Amino acid sequence: MSGISSEAFVLGLSAIGAALAMFGVMGVAIGQGITAGKAVEGIARQPEAQGDIFRTMVVGMAISETTGIFCFIVAIVLLFANPLIRLL
């Protein structure tokens, strides 16, 4: 084997894991864009239901945003406060 230390190996895999965690953030962003677009379509079709549609959209976006925040926190922890290094 070449001279790759175990610490460098863990750091490299942590960077790959952080990049994969950011796909969750991208998925949330796409989902929220679709949600907002569909809410605007619904309000355009039924203006009298604007309050119900908007309220439901905001609750759904808030719930999905927590997933994006968790993915972002996992990526930051893997990059800057890596708990796996202490196991070596």
Protein backbone atom coordinates (compact mmCIF):
# COMPACT_ATOMS: atom_id res chain seq x y z
CA MET A 1 0.00 0.00 0.00
CA SER A 2 1.08 3.53 -0.55
CA GLY A 3 1.69 5.93 2.30
CA ILE A 4 -1.88 6.98 3.10
CA SER A 5 -2.32 7.44 6.81
CA SER A 6 -5.49 6.31 8.53
CA GLU A 7 -6.24 9.91 9.52
CA ALA A 8 -6.02 11.10 5.91
CA PHE A 9 -8.26 8.23 4.83
CA VAL A 10 -10.92 9.12 7.40
CA LEU A 11 -10.74 12.81 6.48
CA GLY A 12 -11.14 11.99 2.80
CA LEU A 13 -14.14 9.78 3.39
CA SER A 14 -15.61 12.43 5.70
CA ALA A 15 -15.37 14.98 2.89
CA ILE A 16 -17.17 12.58 0.56
CA GLY A 17 -19.84 12.01 3.23
CA ALA A 18 -20.30 15.75 3.65
CA ALA A 19 -20.75 16.14 -0.09
CA LEU A 20 -23.36 13.38 -0.11
CA ALA A 21 -25.18 15.00 2.81
CA MET A 22 -25.47 18.18 0.76
CA PHE A 23 -27.56 16.26 -1.80
CA GLY A 24 -30.24 16.25 0.89
CA VAL A 25 -30.11 20.04 0.99
CA MET A 26 -30.43 20.19 -2.79
CA GLY A 27 -33.45 17.88 -2.64
CA VAL A 28 -35.12 20.11 -0.07
CA ALA A 29 -34.52 23.19 -2.20
CA ILE A 30 -36.03 21.55 -5.27
CA GLY A 31 -39.00 20.29 -3.26
CA GLN A 32 -39.68 23.71 -1.77
CA GLY A 33 -39.57 25.30 -5.20
CA ILE A 34 -42.10 22.80 -6.51
CA THR A 35 -44.28 23.34 -3.43
CA ALA A 36 -44.29 27.11 -3.85
CA GLY A 37 -45.11 26.79 -7.54
CA LYS A 38 -48.02 24.45 -6.88
CA ALA A 39 -49.31 26.73 -4.12
CA VAL A 40 -49.28 29.70 -6.50
CA GLU A 41 -51.17 27.59 -9.07
CA GLY A 42 -53.72 26.60 -6.45
CA ILE A 43 -54.22 30.18 -5.32
CA ALA A 44 -54.61 31.29 -8.94
CA ARG A 45 -57.34 28.69 -9.48
CA GLN A 46 -59.12 29.32 -6.16
CA PRO A 47 -58.33 32.75 -4.75
CA GLU A 48 -60.88 32.31 -1.95
CA ALA A 49 -58.81 29.41 -0.52
CA GLN A 50 -55.63 31.50 -0.33
CA GLY A 51 -55.37 31.38 3.46
CA ASP A 52 -55.72 27.60 3.68
CA ILE A 53 -53.32 26.95 0.82
CA PHE A 54 -50.73 29.37 2.17
CA ARG A 55 -50.94 27.98 5.71
CA THR A 56 -50.55 24.40 4.50
CA MET A 57 -47.64 25.40 2.26
CA VAL A 58 -45.80 27.15 5.10
CA VAL A 59 -46.20 24.18 7.46
CA GLY A 60 -44.99 21.77 4.79
CA MET A 61 -41.99 23.94 3.95
CA ALA A 62 -41.07 24.30 7.61
CA ILE A 63 -41.12 20.54 8.08
CA SER A 64 -39.04 19.91 4.97
CA GLU A 65 -36.60 22.68 5.90
CA THR A 66 -35.68 20.82 9.08
CA THR A 67 -34.40 17.97 6.91
CA GLY A 68 -32.20 20.40 5.00
CA ILE A 69 -30.88 21.91 8.23
CA PHE A 70 -30.05 18.46 9.63
CA CYS A 71 -28.19 17.54 6.43
CA PHE A 72 -26.26 20.80 6.59
CA ILE A 73 -25.33 20.24 10.24
CA VAL A 74 -24.09 16.72 9.48
CA ALA A 75 -21.93 18.07 6.65
CA ILE A 76 -20.45 20.81 8.86
CA VAL A 77 -19.71 18.34 11.66
CA LEU A 78 -18.02 15.93 9.27
CA LEU A 79 -15.84 18.70 7.86
CA PHE A 80 -14.90 20.74 10.91
CA ALA A 81 -15.61 18.80 14.12
CA ASN A 82 -15.06 15.27 12.92
CA PRO A 83 -15.81 12.82 15.75
CA LEU A 84 -14.33 9.89 13.79
CA ILE A 85 -10.75 11.17 14.13
CA ARG A 86 -10.81 10.45 17.87
CA LEU A 87 -11.45 6.76 17.16
CA LEU A 88 -8.05 6.31 15.50
